[in-house]
N, C-alpha and C. Protein backbone atom coordinates (compact mmCIF):
# COMPACT_ATOMS: atom_id res chain seq x y z
N MET A 1 62.34 80.23 171.29
CA MET A 1 63.11 79.56 170.26
C MET A 1 63.22 78.06 170.56
N PHE A 2 63.60 77.71 171.79
CA PHE A 2 63.69 76.31 172.16
C PHE A 2 62.67 76.01 173.24
N LYS A 3 62.05 74.86 173.15
CA LYS A 3 61.03 74.47 174.10
C LYS A 3 61.62 74.41 175.51
N ASN A 4 61.01 75.10 176.44
CA ASN A 4 61.44 75.13 177.84
C ASN A 4 62.89 75.57 178.01
N GLY A 5 63.43 76.28 177.04
CA GLY A 5 64.81 76.75 177.15
C GLY A 5 65.85 75.67 176.90
N LEU A 6 65.42 74.46 176.54
CA LEU A 6 66.35 73.36 176.29
C LEU A 6 66.54 73.16 174.80
N ILE A 7 67.72 72.78 174.43
CA ILE A 7 68.04 72.55 173.03
C ILE A 7 67.93 71.05 172.75
N SER A 8 67.15 70.68 171.74
CA SER A 8 67.07 69.27 171.38
C SER A 8 68.29 68.90 170.54
N ILE A 9 68.56 67.63 170.45
CA ILE A 9 69.70 67.15 169.66
C ILE A 9 69.54 67.56 168.21
N ASN A 10 68.33 67.43 167.66
CA ASN A 10 68.10 67.82 166.26
C ASN A 10 68.36 69.30 166.05
N GLN A 11 67.93 70.13 166.99
CA GLN A 11 68.17 71.56 166.87
C GLN A 11 69.67 71.85 166.90
N LEU A 12 70.39 71.15 167.77
CA LEU A 12 71.83 71.36 167.86
C LEU A 12 72.53 70.90 166.60
N LEU A 13 72.17 69.73 166.09
CA LEU A 13 72.81 69.21 164.88
C LEU A 13 72.52 70.07 163.67
N ASN A 14 71.35 70.67 163.62
CA ASN A 14 70.97 71.52 162.49
C ASN A 14 71.33 72.98 162.71
N SER A 15 71.94 73.29 163.83
CA SER A 15 72.29 74.67 164.14
C SER A 15 73.57 75.07 163.42
N SER A 16 73.96 76.29 163.65
CA SER A 16 75.21 76.78 163.06
C SER A 16 76.41 76.51 163.98
N ALA A 17 76.23 75.65 164.98
CA ALA A 17 77.35 75.30 165.86
C ALA A 17 78.50 74.77 165.01
N PRO A 18 79.73 75.15 165.33
CA PRO A 18 80.88 74.69 164.54
C PRO A 18 80.96 73.17 164.53
N LYS A 19 81.20 72.62 163.36
CA LYS A 19 81.32 71.17 163.21
C LYS A 19 82.64 70.87 162.48
N ARG A 20 83.15 69.66 162.70
CA ARG A 20 84.36 69.23 162.00
C ARG A 20 84.37 67.71 161.91
N ASP A 21 85.22 67.20 161.04
CA ASP A 21 85.37 65.75 160.90
C ASP A 21 86.42 65.25 161.86
N VAL A 22 86.15 64.09 162.47
CA VAL A 22 87.08 63.49 163.41
C VAL A 22 87.31 62.03 163.03
N ARG A 23 88.55 61.63 163.01
CA ARG A 23 88.93 60.23 162.84
C ARG A 23 90.20 60.05 163.65
N LEU A 24 90.17 59.17 164.61
CA LEU A 24 91.32 58.99 165.49
C LEU A 24 92.11 57.76 165.11
N THR A 25 93.42 57.88 165.20
CA THR A 25 94.28 56.72 165.03
C THR A 25 94.36 55.99 166.37
N PRO A 26 94.73 54.72 166.36
CA PRO A 26 94.92 54.02 167.63
C PRO A 26 95.96 54.72 168.52
N GLU A 27 96.97 55.29 167.90
CA GLU A 27 98.02 55.98 168.67
C GLU A 27 97.46 57.22 169.38
N GLU A 28 96.61 57.97 168.70
CA GLU A 28 96.00 59.15 169.32
C GLU A 28 95.13 58.74 170.51
N TYR A 29 94.37 57.66 170.32
CA TYR A 29 93.50 57.21 171.41
C TYR A 29 94.33 56.66 172.56
N ASP A 30 95.41 55.94 172.26
CA ASP A 30 96.29 55.43 173.32
C ASP A 30 96.91 56.58 174.11
N GLN A 31 97.28 57.66 173.43
CA GLN A 31 97.83 58.82 174.12
C GLN A 31 96.81 59.42 175.07
N PHE A 32 95.57 59.52 174.61
CA PHE A 32 94.52 60.02 175.50
C PHE A 32 94.40 59.13 176.73
N LYS A 33 94.39 57.82 176.54
CA LYS A 33 94.23 56.90 177.67
C LYS A 33 95.36 57.07 178.68
N LYS A 34 96.57 57.30 178.19
CA LYS A 34 97.69 57.54 179.11
C LYS A 34 97.48 58.83 179.89
N GLU A 35 97.05 59.87 179.21
CA GLU A 35 96.84 61.16 179.86
C GLU A 35 95.61 61.15 180.76
N PHE A 36 94.66 60.27 180.50
CA PHE A 36 93.46 60.21 181.32
C PHE A 36 93.79 59.87 182.76
N THR A 37 94.84 59.13 182.98
CA THR A 37 95.23 58.79 184.36
C THR A 37 95.35 60.06 185.19
N MET A 38 96.01 61.07 184.65
CA MET A 38 96.17 62.33 185.37
C MET A 38 94.85 63.12 185.42
N ILE A 39 94.10 63.07 184.34
CA ILE A 39 92.81 63.78 184.28
C ILE A 39 91.86 63.21 185.34
N ALA A 40 91.86 61.89 185.48
CA ALA A 40 90.95 61.22 186.42
C ALA A 40 91.23 61.63 187.86
N LEU A 41 92.48 61.97 188.15
CA LEU A 41 92.81 62.41 189.50
C LEU A 41 92.07 63.69 189.89
N ASN A 42 91.64 64.44 188.89
CA ASN A 42 90.85 65.65 189.14
C ASN A 42 89.35 65.35 189.21
N GLY A 43 88.98 64.07 189.09
CA GLY A 43 87.59 63.67 189.25
C GLY A 43 86.75 63.69 187.99
N GLU A 44 87.36 63.91 186.84
CA GLU A 44 86.58 63.94 185.60
C GLU A 44 86.34 62.53 185.08
N ASP A 45 85.13 62.26 184.61
CA ASP A 45 84.81 60.93 184.09
C ASP A 45 85.42 60.74 182.70
N TYR A 46 85.51 59.47 182.29
CA TYR A 46 86.17 59.09 181.05
C TYR A 46 85.51 59.70 179.83
N ALA A 47 84.19 59.63 179.76
CA ALA A 47 83.46 60.13 178.59
C ALA A 47 83.64 61.64 178.42
N ASN A 48 83.47 62.38 179.49
CA ASN A 48 83.61 63.83 179.40
C ASN A 48 85.06 64.22 179.10
N ALA A 49 86.00 63.50 179.71
CA ALA A 49 87.42 63.78 179.46
C ALA A 49 87.75 63.55 177.99
N PHE A 50 87.21 62.49 177.40
CA PHE A 50 87.44 62.21 175.98
C PHE A 50 86.92 63.36 175.12
N CYS A 51 85.70 63.81 175.41
CA CYS A 51 85.12 64.90 174.63
C CYS A 51 85.93 66.19 174.77
N ARG A 52 86.35 66.51 175.98
CA ARG A 52 87.15 67.71 176.19
C ARG A 52 88.52 67.58 175.51
N TYR A 53 89.13 66.43 175.62
CA TYR A 53 90.47 66.21 175.06
C TYR A 53 90.47 66.38 173.54
N PHE A 54 89.46 65.81 172.89
CA PHE A 54 89.40 65.88 171.43
C PHE A 54 88.48 67.00 170.93
N LYS A 55 87.95 67.78 171.86
CA LYS A 55 87.12 68.95 171.56
C LYS A 55 85.92 68.60 170.67
N ILE A 56 85.14 67.63 171.17
CA ILE A 56 83.92 67.22 170.46
C ILE A 56 82.75 67.15 171.44
N VAL A 57 81.55 67.13 170.90
CA VAL A 57 80.34 66.92 171.67
C VAL A 57 79.73 65.60 171.19
N ASP A 58 79.46 64.70 172.11
CA ASP A 58 78.85 63.42 171.75
C ASP A 58 77.88 63.04 172.87
N TYR A 59 76.60 63.25 172.62
CA TYR A 59 75.60 63.00 173.65
C TYR A 59 75.40 61.52 173.93
N ILE A 60 75.66 60.67 172.97
CA ILE A 60 75.56 59.23 173.22
C ILE A 60 76.68 58.82 174.17
N LEU A 61 77.88 59.29 173.91
CA LEU A 61 79.01 58.97 174.78
C LEU A 61 78.77 59.51 176.19
N SER A 62 78.20 60.68 176.31
CA SER A 62 77.98 61.24 177.64
C SER A 62 77.03 60.37 178.48
N GLY A 63 76.23 59.55 177.82
CA GLY A 63 75.37 58.61 178.53
C GLY A 63 76.14 57.48 179.18
N HIS A 64 77.42 57.33 178.83
CA HIS A 64 78.28 56.28 179.39
C HIS A 64 79.24 56.83 180.44
N LYS A 65 78.98 58.02 180.95
CA LYS A 65 79.98 58.65 181.81
C LYS A 65 80.25 57.91 183.11
N LYS A 66 79.35 57.04 183.53
CA LYS A 66 79.59 56.27 184.75
C LYS A 66 80.13 54.88 184.45
N ASP A 67 80.31 54.56 183.19
CA ASP A 67 80.76 53.22 182.80
C ASP A 67 81.93 53.34 181.82
N THR A 68 83.14 53.32 182.36
CA THR A 68 84.34 53.50 181.54
C THR A 68 84.48 52.40 180.49
N ILE A 69 84.12 51.18 180.83
CA ILE A 69 84.25 50.07 179.87
C ILE A 69 83.35 50.29 178.67
N GLN A 70 82.09 50.66 178.92
CA GLN A 70 81.17 50.92 177.81
C GLN A 70 81.59 52.14 177.01
N ALA A 71 82.10 53.16 177.70
CA ALA A 71 82.58 54.37 177.00
C ALA A 71 83.73 54.00 176.08
N ASP A 72 84.66 53.19 176.57
CA ASP A 72 85.80 52.76 175.75
C ASP A 72 85.33 51.97 174.53
N LYS A 73 84.39 51.07 174.71
CA LYS A 73 83.86 50.28 173.59
C LYS A 73 83.20 51.20 172.55
N TYR A 74 82.41 52.16 173.02
CA TYR A 74 81.74 53.09 172.12
C TYR A 74 82.76 53.94 171.36
N ILE A 75 83.76 54.45 172.05
CA ILE A 75 84.79 55.28 171.40
C ILE A 75 85.52 54.48 170.34
N THR A 76 85.93 53.27 170.69
CA THR A 76 86.66 52.43 169.73
C THR A 76 85.79 52.13 168.52
N LYS A 77 84.53 51.80 168.75
CA LYS A 77 83.61 51.48 167.66
C LYS A 77 83.31 52.69 166.78
N THR A 78 83.22 53.87 167.38
CA THR A 78 82.74 55.05 166.69
C THR A 78 83.85 55.92 166.09
N TYR A 79 84.98 56.01 166.76
CA TYR A 79 85.99 57.00 166.36
C TYR A 79 87.34 56.44 165.90
N VAL A 80 87.77 55.31 166.43
CA VAL A 80 89.13 54.83 166.16
C VAL A 80 89.17 54.07 164.85
N ASN A 81 90.02 54.57 163.93
CA ASN A 81 90.20 53.98 162.60
C ASN A 81 88.89 53.81 161.83
N LYS A 82 87.99 54.73 162.01
CA LYS A 82 86.72 54.70 161.29
C LYS A 82 86.69 55.81 160.27
N LYS A 83 85.71 55.73 159.39
CA LYS A 83 85.50 56.82 158.44
C LYS A 83 85.30 58.10 159.24
N ARG A 84 85.73 59.19 158.70
CA ARG A 84 85.62 60.46 159.42
C ARG A 84 84.18 60.69 159.87
N ARG A 85 84.06 61.17 161.08
CA ARG A 85 82.74 61.40 161.67
C ARG A 85 82.57 62.90 161.90
N ASN A 86 81.49 63.45 161.36
CA ASN A 86 81.20 64.87 161.53
C ASN A 86 80.66 65.08 162.94
N VAL A 87 81.34 65.92 163.72
CA VAL A 87 80.94 66.16 165.10
C VAL A 87 80.81 67.65 165.37
N ILE A 88 80.10 67.98 166.41
CA ILE A 88 79.99 69.36 166.87
C ILE A 88 81.21 69.64 167.73
N GLU A 89 81.84 70.78 167.49
CA GLU A 89 83.02 71.13 168.27
C GLU A 89 82.64 71.46 169.70
N TYR A 90 83.44 70.99 170.61
CA TYR A 90 83.26 71.23 172.03
C TYR A 90 83.85 72.59 172.37
N TYR A 91 83.09 73.38 173.12
CA TYR A 91 83.59 74.67 173.59
C TYR A 91 83.44 74.70 175.09
N ASP A 92 84.53 74.92 175.77
CA ASP A 92 84.52 74.97 177.23
C ASP A 92 84.39 76.43 177.66
N TYR A 93 83.22 76.78 178.14
CA TYR A 93 82.98 78.16 178.54
C TYR A 93 83.79 78.55 179.76
N GLY A 94 84.36 77.57 180.45
CA GLY A 94 85.16 77.86 181.64
C GLY A 94 86.58 78.24 181.30
N GLU A 95 87.04 77.96 180.10
CA GLU A 95 88.41 78.29 179.70
C GLU A 95 88.48 79.71 179.20
N ALA A 96 89.54 80.39 179.55
CA ALA A 96 89.76 81.76 179.06
C ALA A 96 90.20 81.70 177.61
N GLU A 97 89.78 82.70 176.87
CA GLU A 97 90.16 82.75 175.45
C GLU A 97 91.36 83.62 175.26
């Protein structure tokens, strides 16, 4: 089904993976930033923490996981006070249902 067992971005975007619209207010993003202080103590990077917190998948953002400043710029440009953005819902297989 997938080449070498890997899923391409196009396959994922065109799949039946759950999707939803996301638009963050500055207040929602500020709340995340406050809570990230505690999340970071567990060793999670900013980009992944953002995706888990808001339950989204963003492969472009994940490319900034070692650069918090660039991740913040991308998040602000892409999600904060912007037109709703259709995203793939994040599912954490490690969490119990």
